N, C-alpha and C. Protein backbone atom coordinates (compact mmCIF):
# COMPACT_ATOMS: atom_id res chain seq x y z
N UNK A 1 0.86 -1.18 0.00
CA UNK A 1 0.00 0.00 0.00
C UNK A 1 0.90 1.23 0.00
N UNK A 2 0.54 2.18 -0.83
CA UNK A 2 1.32 3.42 -0.94
C UNK A 2 1.01 4.36 0.22
N UNK A 3 1.95 5.24 0.51
CA UNK A 3 1.78 6.19 1.62
C UNK A 3 0.53 7.04 1.46
N UNK A 4 0.25 7.52 0.26
CA UNK A 4 -0.92 8.38 0.07
C UNK A 4 -2.21 7.60 0.31
N UNK A 5 -2.19 6.29 0.02
CA UNK A 5 -3.36 5.46 0.28
C UNK A 5 -3.58 5.28 1.79
N UNK A 6 -2.47 5.12 2.51
CA UNK A 6 -2.56 5.00 3.96
C UNK A 6 -3.15 6.27 4.57
N UNK A 7 -2.75 7.41 4.03
CA UNK A 7 -3.25 8.69 4.54
C UNK A 7 -4.75 8.84 4.32
N UNK A 8 -5.28 8.23 3.29
CA UNK A 8 -6.72 8.28 3.04
C UNK A 8 -7.48 7.30 3.93
N UNK A 9 -6.88 6.18 4.22
CA UNK A 9 -7.56 5.15 4.99
C UNK A 9 -7.68 5.52 6.47
N UNK A 10 -6.67 6.15 7.04
CA UNK A 10 -6.69 6.50 8.46
C UNK A 10 -7.89 7.37 8.82
N UNK A 11 -8.15 8.49 8.11
CA UNK A 11 -9.34 9.29 8.46
C UNK A 11 -10.65 8.52 8.27
N UNK A 12 -10.69 7.66 7.27
CA UNK A 12 -11.88 6.86 7.03
C UNK A 12 -12.15 5.92 8.21
N UNK A 13 -11.12 5.25 8.70
CA UNK A 13 -11.27 4.36 9.85
C UNK A 13 -11.69 5.12 11.09
N UNK A 14 -11.12 6.30 11.31
CA UNK A 14 -11.51 7.12 12.45
C UNK A 14 -12.97 7.53 12.36
N UNK A 15 -13.42 7.89 11.18
CA UNK A 15 -14.82 8.28 10.99
C UNK A 15 -15.76 7.11 11.27
N UNK A 16 -15.39 5.93 10.81
CA UNK A 16 -16.22 4.74 11.05
C UNK A 16 -16.31 4.44 12.54
N UNK A 17 -15.18 4.50 13.24
CA UNK A 17 -15.18 4.24 14.69
C UNK A 17 -16.02 5.27 15.43
N UNK A 18 -15.93 6.53 15.03
CA UNK A 18 -16.72 7.58 15.67
C UNK A 18 -18.21 7.35 15.45
N UNK A 19 -18.60 6.95 14.25
CA UNK A 19 -20.00 6.69 13.96
C UNK A 19 -20.52 5.51 14.78
N UNK A 20 -19.67 4.50 14.99
CA UNK A 20 -20.10 3.36 15.81
C UNK A 20 -20.34 3.79 17.24
N UNK A 21 -19.46 4.65 17.77
CA UNK A 21 -19.64 5.13 19.15
C UNK A 21 -20.91 5.96 19.25
N UNK A 22 -21.16 6.82 18.27
CA UNK A 22 -22.36 7.64 18.29
C UNK A 22 -23.62 6.80 18.12
N UNK A 23 -23.51 5.70 17.37
CA UNK A 23 -24.67 4.83 17.15
C UNK A 23 -25.14 4.20 18.46
N UNK A 24 -24.26 4.12 19.46
CA UNK A 24 -24.65 3.57 20.75
C UNK A 24 -25.58 4.51 21.50
N UNK A 25 -25.64 5.76 21.08
CA UNK A 25 -26.45 6.77 21.76
C UNK A 25 -27.49 7.35 20.81
N UNK A 26 -28.65 7.66 21.35
CA UNK A 26 -29.66 8.40 20.60
C UNK A 26 -30.47 9.22 21.59
N UNK A 27 -31.13 10.25 21.09
CA UNK A 27 -31.85 11.17 21.97
C UNK A 27 -32.98 10.50 22.74
N UNK A 28 -33.53 9.42 22.18
CA UNK A 28 -34.66 8.77 22.84
C UNK A 28 -34.26 7.57 23.70
N UNK A 29 -32.95 7.48 23.99
CA UNK A 29 -32.47 6.36 24.79
C UNK A 29 -31.43 6.85 25.80
N UNK A 30 -31.48 6.30 27.00
CA UNK A 30 -30.51 6.62 28.05
C UNK A 30 -30.01 5.32 28.65
N UNK A 31 -28.70 5.25 28.82
CA UNK A 31 -28.09 4.09 29.47
C UNK A 31 -27.61 4.51 30.85
N UNK A 32 -27.70 3.60 31.79
CA UNK A 32 -27.28 3.85 33.17
C UNK A 32 -26.47 2.65 33.62
N UNK A 33 -25.33 2.90 34.28
CA UNK A 33 -24.52 1.78 34.76
C UNK A 33 -23.98 2.06 36.16
N UNK A 34 -23.74 0.97 36.87
CA UNK A 34 -23.18 1.05 38.22
C UNK A 34 -22.68 -0.32 38.63
N UNK A 35 -22.27 -0.47 39.88
CA UNK A 35 -21.78 -1.77 40.35
C UNK A 35 -22.83 -2.88 40.23
N UNK A 36 -24.09 -2.52 40.16
CA UNK A 36 -25.21 -3.46 40.06
C UNK A 36 -25.38 -3.99 38.64
N UNK A 37 -24.75 -3.35 37.63
CA UNK A 37 -24.92 -3.73 36.23
C UNK A 37 -25.28 -2.53 35.40
N UNK A 38 -26.16 -2.71 34.42
CA UNK A 38 -26.57 -1.59 33.57
C UNK A 38 -28.04 -1.75 33.18
N UNK A 39 -28.60 -0.63 32.75
CA UNK A 39 -30.00 -0.61 32.31
C UNK A 39 -30.14 0.40 31.18
N UNK A 40 -31.08 0.16 30.32
CA UNK A 40 -31.37 1.06 29.20
C UNK A 40 -32.82 1.49 29.30
N UNK A 41 -33.04 2.79 29.14
CA UNK A 41 -34.38 3.35 29.20
C UNK A 41 -34.72 4.07 27.91
N UNK A 42 -35.95 3.92 27.50
CA UNK A 42 -36.53 4.72 26.42
C UNK A 42 -36.97 6.02 27.08
N UNK A 43 -36.48 7.17 26.60
CA UNK A 43 -36.80 8.42 27.29
C UNK A 43 -37.45 9.44 26.37
N UNK A 44 -38.32 10.21 26.99
CA UNK A 44 -38.83 11.43 26.38
C UNK A 44 -37.98 12.56 26.95
N UNK A 45 -37.66 13.54 26.11
CA UNK A 45 -36.86 14.68 26.57
C UNK A 45 -37.75 15.82 27.02
N UNK A 46 -37.38 16.43 28.11
CA UNK A 46 -37.99 17.67 28.58
C UNK A 46 -36.84 18.66 28.67
N UNK A 47 -36.61 19.38 27.58
CA UNK A 47 -35.42 20.23 27.52
C UNK A 47 -35.72 21.71 27.32
N UNK A 48 -36.97 22.10 27.53
CA UNK A 48 -37.28 23.53 27.55
C UNK A 48 -38.21 23.78 28.75
N UNK A 49 -38.36 25.04 29.15
CA UNK A 49 -39.14 25.32 30.38
C UNK A 49 -40.56 24.76 30.35
N UNK A 50 -41.24 24.83 29.23
CA UNK A 50 -42.61 24.30 29.14
C UNK A 50 -42.67 22.80 29.33
N UNK A 51 -41.77 22.08 28.66
CA UNK A 51 -41.73 20.62 28.79
C UNK A 51 -41.34 20.20 30.20
N UNK A 52 -40.38 20.93 30.78
CA UNK A 52 -39.97 20.60 32.16
C UNK A 52 -41.10 20.86 33.15
N UNK A 53 -41.88 21.92 32.94
CA UNK A 53 -43.01 22.22 33.83
C UNK A 53 -44.09 21.14 33.72
N UNK A 54 -44.34 20.64 32.52
CA UNK A 54 -45.36 19.61 32.30
C UNK A 54 -44.90 18.25 32.82
N UNK A 55 -43.67 17.90 32.53
CA UNK A 55 -43.13 16.62 32.99
C UNK A 55 -44.05 15.45 32.70
N UNK A 56 -44.25 14.61 33.68
CA UNK A 56 -45.09 13.42 33.53
C UNK A 56 -46.47 13.61 34.16
N UNK A 57 -46.91 14.86 34.24
CA UNK A 57 -48.25 15.14 34.79
C UNK A 57 -49.33 14.45 33.96
N UNK A 58 -50.38 14.05 34.65
CA UNK A 58 -51.60 13.50 34.04
C UNK A 58 -51.40 12.15 33.35
N UNK A 59 -50.30 11.49 33.58
CA UNK A 59 -50.07 10.16 33.01
C UNK A 59 -50.60 9.11 33.98
N UNK A 60 -51.26 8.11 33.43
CA UNK A 60 -51.77 7.02 34.26
C UNK A 60 -50.85 5.81 34.25
N UNK A 61 -49.88 5.80 33.34
CA UNK A 61 -49.01 4.63 33.19
C UNK A 61 -47.68 5.07 32.58
N UNK A 62 -46.63 4.39 32.98
CA UNK A 62 -45.31 4.58 32.39
C UNK A 62 -44.71 3.19 32.22
N UNK A 63 -44.37 2.79 30.99
CA UNK A 63 -43.76 1.47 30.81
C UNK A 63 -42.52 1.30 31.69
N UNK A 64 -42.26 0.08 32.10
CA UNK A 64 -41.16 -0.20 33.04
C UNK A 64 -39.81 0.32 32.54
N UNK A 65 -39.51 0.19 31.29
CA UNK A 65 -38.20 0.60 30.78
C UNK A 65 -38.24 1.99 30.15
N UNK A 66 -39.20 2.80 30.56
CA UNK A 66 -39.34 4.15 30.01
C UNK A 66 -39.15 5.19 31.10
N UNK A 67 -38.92 6.42 30.67
CA UNK A 67 -38.77 7.51 31.61
C UNK A 67 -38.78 8.85 30.90
N UNK A 68 -38.56 9.89 31.66
CA UNK A 68 -38.44 11.24 31.11
C UNK A 68 -37.13 11.81 31.59
N UNK A 69 -36.37 12.39 30.65
CA UNK A 69 -35.10 13.01 30.98
C UNK A 69 -35.25 14.52 30.91
N UNK A 70 -35.08 15.16 32.05
CA UNK A 70 -35.13 16.62 32.15
C UNK A 70 -33.70 17.13 31.95
N UNK A 71 -33.53 18.00 30.96
CA UNK A 71 -32.20 18.52 30.62
C UNK A 71 -32.22 20.03 30.81
N UNK A 72 -31.26 20.54 31.56
CA UNK A 72 -31.15 21.98 31.83
C UNK A 72 -30.01 22.57 31.01
N UNK A 73 -30.10 23.89 30.77
CA UNK A 73 -29.08 24.58 29.98
C UNK A 73 -27.73 24.57 30.68
N UNK A 74 -27.75 24.70 32.00
CA UNK A 74 -26.50 24.64 32.77
C UNK A 74 -26.79 23.99 34.12
N UNK A 75 -25.75 23.44 34.70
CA UNK A 75 -25.89 22.76 35.99
C UNK A 75 -26.21 23.77 37.08
N UNK A 76 -27.07 23.37 38.00
CA UNK A 76 -27.45 24.25 39.10
C UNK A 76 -28.38 23.53 40.05
N UNK A 77 -28.96 24.27 41.01
CA UNK A 77 -29.91 23.65 41.93
C UNK A 77 -31.24 23.39 41.23
N UNK A 78 -31.86 22.26 41.51
CA UNK A 78 -33.18 21.94 40.96
C UNK A 78 -34.07 21.42 42.07
N UNK A 79 -35.37 21.62 41.87
CA UNK A 79 -36.36 21.14 42.82
C UNK A 79 -37.59 20.68 42.03
N UNK A 80 -38.19 19.59 42.44
CA UNK A 80 -39.36 19.03 41.77
C UNK A 80 -40.51 18.91 42.76
N UNK A 81 -41.72 18.74 42.22
CA UNK A 81 -42.87 18.38 43.02
C UNK A 81 -43.71 17.44 42.20
N UNK A 82 -44.76 16.90 42.79
CA UNK A 82 -45.57 15.88 42.14
C UNK A 82 -46.98 16.37 41.80
N UNK A 83 -47.15 17.68 41.69
CA UNK A 83 -48.47 18.24 41.36
C UNK A 83 -48.99 17.61 40.07
N UNK A 84 -50.24 17.17 40.12
CA UNK A 84 -50.93 16.57 38.96
C UNK A 84 -50.23 15.33 38.41
N UNK A 85 -49.35 14.73 39.19
CA UNK A 85 -48.69 13.50 38.77
C UNK A 85 -49.43 12.34 39.41
N UNK A 86 -49.83 11.39 38.59
CA UNK A 86 -50.73 10.32 39.04
C UNK A 86 -50.02 9.02 39.42
N UNK A 87 -48.74 8.92 39.08
CA UNK A 87 -48.01 7.68 39.35
C UNK A 87 -46.79 7.98 40.22
N UNK A 88 -46.40 7.05 41.11
CA UNK A 88 -45.19 7.27 41.90
C UNK A 88 -43.96 7.24 40.98
N UNK A 89 -43.01 8.10 41.27
CA UNK A 89 -41.82 8.21 40.43
C UNK A 89 -40.55 8.21 41.28
N UNK A 90 -39.48 7.66 40.70
CA UNK A 90 -38.14 7.83 41.24
C UNK A 90 -37.48 8.95 40.44
N UNK A 91 -36.73 9.79 41.11
CA UNK A 91 -36.01 10.89 40.46
C UNK A 91 -34.52 10.66 40.66
N UNK A 92 -33.82 10.58 39.55
CA UNK A 92 -32.38 10.31 39.57
C UNK A 92 -31.69 11.58 39.08
N UNK A 93 -31.01 12.27 39.99
CA UNK A 93 -30.36 13.54 39.71
C UNK A 93 -28.89 13.29 39.35
N UNK A 94 -28.40 13.98 38.30
CA UNK A 94 -27.01 13.79 37.88
C UNK A 94 -26.37 15.12 37.51
N UNK A 95 -25.06 15.17 37.65
CA UNK A 95 -24.31 16.39 37.35
C UNK A 95 -23.94 16.47 35.87
N UNK A 96 -23.11 17.46 35.50
CA UNK A 96 -22.76 17.70 34.10
C UNK A 96 -21.93 16.56 33.51
N UNK A 97 -21.35 15.71 34.34
CA UNK A 97 -20.60 14.55 33.85
C UNK A 97 -21.49 13.31 33.75
N UNK A 98 -22.77 13.45 34.11
CA UNK A 98 -23.68 12.32 34.06
C UNK A 98 -23.54 11.39 35.25
N UNK A 99 -22.87 11.86 36.30
CA UNK A 99 -22.70 11.06 37.51
C UNK A 99 -23.89 11.32 38.44
N UNK A 100 -24.53 10.26 38.87
CA UNK A 100 -25.68 10.37 39.76
C UNK A 100 -25.22 10.98 41.09
N UNK A 101 -25.92 12.04 41.50
CA UNK A 101 -25.59 12.71 42.75
C UNK A 101 -26.60 12.41 43.86
N UNK A 102 -27.82 12.06 43.45
CA UNK A 102 -28.88 11.83 44.43
C UNK A 102 -29.99 11.02 43.77
N UNK A 103 -30.65 10.18 44.56
CA UNK A 103 -31.82 9.44 44.09
C UNK A 103 -32.94 9.68 45.10
N UNK A 104 -34.09 10.12 44.59
CA UNK A 104 -35.28 10.26 45.43
C UNK A 104 -36.24 9.15 45.02
N UNK A 105 -36.54 8.27 45.94
CA UNK A 105 -37.35 7.09 45.62
C UNK A 105 -38.83 7.31 45.91
N UNK A 106 -39.64 6.79 45.02
CA UNK A 106 -41.09 6.70 45.18
C UNK A 106 -41.75 7.99 45.65
N UNK A 107 -41.55 9.05 44.86
CA UNK A 107 -42.24 10.31 45.15
C UNK A 107 -43.75 10.06 45.10
N UNK A 108 -44.46 10.67 46.02
CA UNK A 108 -45.89 10.42 46.21
C UNK A 108 -46.72 11.21 45.20
N UNK A 109 -47.59 10.53 44.44
CA UNK A 109 -48.44 11.23 43.47
C UNK A 109 -49.22 12.36 44.13
N UNK A 110 -49.24 13.51 43.46
CA UNK A 110 -50.01 14.66 43.92
C UNK A 110 -49.38 15.47 45.05
N UNK A 111 -48.29 15.01 45.63
CA UNK A 111 -47.65 15.69 46.76
C UNK A 111 -47.00 17.00 46.29
N UNK A 112 -47.30 18.08 47.00
CA UNK A 112 -46.77 19.39 46.64
C UNK A 112 -45.49 19.74 47.40
N UNK A 113 -45.00 18.83 48.23
CA UNK A 113 -43.76 19.06 48.96
C UNK A 113 -42.59 19.11 47.98
N UNK A 114 -41.77 20.17 48.03
CA UNK A 114 -40.62 20.24 47.12
C UNK A 114 -39.64 19.09 47.36
N UNK A 115 -39.12 18.56 46.27
CA UNK A 115 -38.11 17.51 46.31
C UNK A 115 -36.82 18.13 45.82
N UNK A 116 -35.88 18.32 46.75
CA UNK A 116 -34.63 19.01 46.45
C UNK A 116 -33.66 18.05 45.77
N UNK A 117 -33.20 18.45 44.59
CA UNK A 117 -32.23 17.64 43.86
C UNK A 117 -30.79 17.98 44.18
N UNK A 118 -30.59 19.08 44.91
CA UNK A 118 -29.23 19.49 45.24
C UNK A 118 -28.68 20.46 44.22
N UNK A 119 -27.43 20.84 44.42
CA UNK A 119 -26.75 21.78 43.52
C UNK A 119 -26.02 21.02 42.42
N UNK A 120 -25.69 21.73 41.35
CA UNK A 120 -24.87 21.15 40.29
C UNK A 120 -25.56 20.09 39.46
N UNK A 121 -26.89 20.14 39.39
CA UNK A 121 -27.65 19.14 38.62
C UNK A 121 -27.85 19.63 37.19
N UNK A 122 -27.50 18.80 36.21
CA UNK A 122 -27.72 19.13 34.80
C UNK A 122 -28.89 18.33 34.22
N UNK A 123 -29.06 17.09 34.66
CA UNK A 123 -30.13 16.24 34.14
C UNK A 123 -30.81 15.49 35.28
N UNK A 124 -32.09 15.19 35.06
CA UNK A 124 -32.86 14.40 36.02
C UNK A 124 -33.63 13.35 35.22
N UNK A 125 -33.49 12.10 35.62
CA UNK A 125 -34.23 11.02 35.00
C UNK A 125 -35.36 10.60 35.93
N UNK A 126 -36.60 10.65 35.43
CA UNK A 126 -37.74 10.14 36.18
C UNK A 126 -38.15 8.80 35.60
N UNK A 127 -38.28 7.81 36.50
CA UNK A 127 -38.71 6.47 36.12
C UNK A 127 -39.77 6.01 37.12
N UNK A 128 -40.35 4.87 36.88
CA UNK A 128 -41.37 4.32 37.78
C UNK A 128 -40.86 4.22 39.21
N UNK A 129 -41.73 4.57 40.15
CA UNK A 129 -41.40 4.49 41.56
C UNK A 129 -40.99 3.09 41.98
N UNK A 130 -39.90 2.99 42.71
CA UNK A 130 -39.40 1.71 43.20
C UNK A 130 -38.37 1.06 42.29
N UNK A 131 -38.26 1.54 41.05
CA UNK A 131 -37.35 0.91 40.09
C UNK A 131 -35.88 1.17 40.45
N UNK A 132 -35.57 2.38 40.90
CA UNK A 132 -34.18 2.69 41.27
C UNK A 132 -33.69 1.75 42.37
N UNK A 133 -34.53 1.55 43.37
CA UNK A 133 -34.15 0.65 44.48
C UNK A 133 -34.05 -0.79 43.99
N UNK A 134 -35.00 -1.20 43.15
CA UNK A 134 -34.99 -2.58 42.64
C UNK A 134 -33.73 -2.87 41.84
N UNK A 135 -33.25 -1.88 41.08
CA UNK A 135 -32.03 -2.07 40.29
C UNK A 135 -30.77 -1.84 41.11
N UNK A 136 -30.88 -1.07 42.18
CA UNK A 136 -29.70 -0.74 42.99
C UNK A 136 -29.04 0.56 42.58
N UNK A 137 -29.77 1.43 41.88
CA UNK A 137 -29.22 2.71 41.42
C UNK A 137 -28.93 3.60 42.62
N UNK A 138 -27.73 4.20 42.61
CA UNK A 138 -27.35 5.06 43.73
C UNK A 138 -26.34 6.11 43.27
N UNK A 139 -26.01 7.03 44.17
CA UNK A 139 -25.03 8.07 43.87
C UNK A 139 -23.72 7.43 43.41
N UNK A 140 -23.13 8.03 42.38
CA UNK A 140 -21.89 7.51 41.81
C UNK A 140 -22.10 6.73 40.53
N UNK A 141 -23.32 6.25 40.29
CA UNK A 141 -23.62 5.56 39.03
C UNK A 141 -23.52 6.57 37.89
N UNK A 142 -23.45 6.07 36.65
CA UNK A 142 -23.22 6.95 35.50
C UNK A 142 -24.31 6.80 34.44
N UNK A 143 -24.69 7.95 33.87
CA UNK A 143 -25.65 8.01 32.77
C UNK A 143 -24.90 8.21 31.46
N UNK A 144 -25.45 7.70 30.37
CA UNK A 144 -24.93 7.99 29.03
C UNK A 144 -26.09 8.45 28.16
N UNK A 145 -25.93 9.65 27.61
CA UNK A 145 -26.94 10.25 26.74
C UNK A 145 -26.28 11.38 25.96
N UNK A 146 -26.74 11.66 24.72
CA UNK A 146 -26.14 12.73 23.94
C UNK A 146 -26.21 14.12 24.59
N UNK A 147 -27.16 14.34 25.51
CA UNK A 147 -27.25 15.64 26.18
C UNK A 147 -26.04 15.91 27.06
N UNK A 148 -25.33 14.86 27.43
CA UNK A 148 -24.11 15.00 28.22
C UNK A 148 -22.95 15.09 27.24
N UNK A 149 -22.12 16.06 27.39
CA UNK A 149 -21.05 16.31 26.42
C UNK A 149 -19.93 15.28 26.45
N UNK A 150 -18.88 15.57 25.68
CA UNK A 150 -17.75 14.64 25.61
C UNK A 150 -16.99 14.50 26.93
N UNK A 151 -17.22 15.43 27.87
CA UNK A 151 -16.55 15.35 29.18
C UNK A 151 -17.27 14.40 30.13
N UNK A 152 -18.37 13.82 29.69
CA UNK A 152 -19.15 12.93 30.56
C UNK A 152 -18.30 11.74 31.00
N UNK A 153 -18.60 11.24 32.18
CA UNK A 153 -17.89 10.07 32.71
C UNK A 153 -18.07 8.86 31.78
N UNK A 154 -19.25 8.76 31.15
CA UNK A 154 -19.55 7.68 30.20
C UNK A 154 -20.10 8.36 28.95
N UNK A 155 -19.21 8.78 28.10
CA UNK A 155 -19.57 9.63 26.98
C UNK A 155 -20.03 8.84 25.75
N UNK A 156 -20.87 9.47 24.97
CA UNK A 156 -21.31 8.89 23.69
C UNK A 156 -20.20 8.96 22.64
N UNK A 157 -19.25 9.84 22.81
CA UNK A 157 -18.28 10.10 21.75
C UNK A 157 -16.91 9.48 21.99
N UNK A 158 -16.81 8.54 22.88
CA UNK A 158 -15.50 7.89 23.09
C UNK A 158 -15.30 6.77 22.12
């Protein structure tokens, strides 16, 4: 193989590898891993103020492997409540690296008590109540989703 041919092949191989890494991630899917193993969720995105305010209100059912991912423009303090929410939910709070910082289990439907997510939160995953405990999800676990940049602990672009 000639040198000029090698120079053409290297960028092509890099592009193929990058596409394979990106193919592992999509906007409607979130992966979560920890010492307990891993899980994949089908997610709806709530990435603007209106969608975040609506959240999972008025839903009577959420499939077991589904959830809603709340994405904020920048990391900061967040607080949730369960107004007009009909099903119990677990809230998994994570920082800008996708590292879980806090898990709130089985939030009570309709409860107006604020649920503090803490500081430095960039994303929140809501799933069926009791699922986080059943899987063993806890602080330090890692999320993978395109909303988390290349600096994420478990990045889509590696």
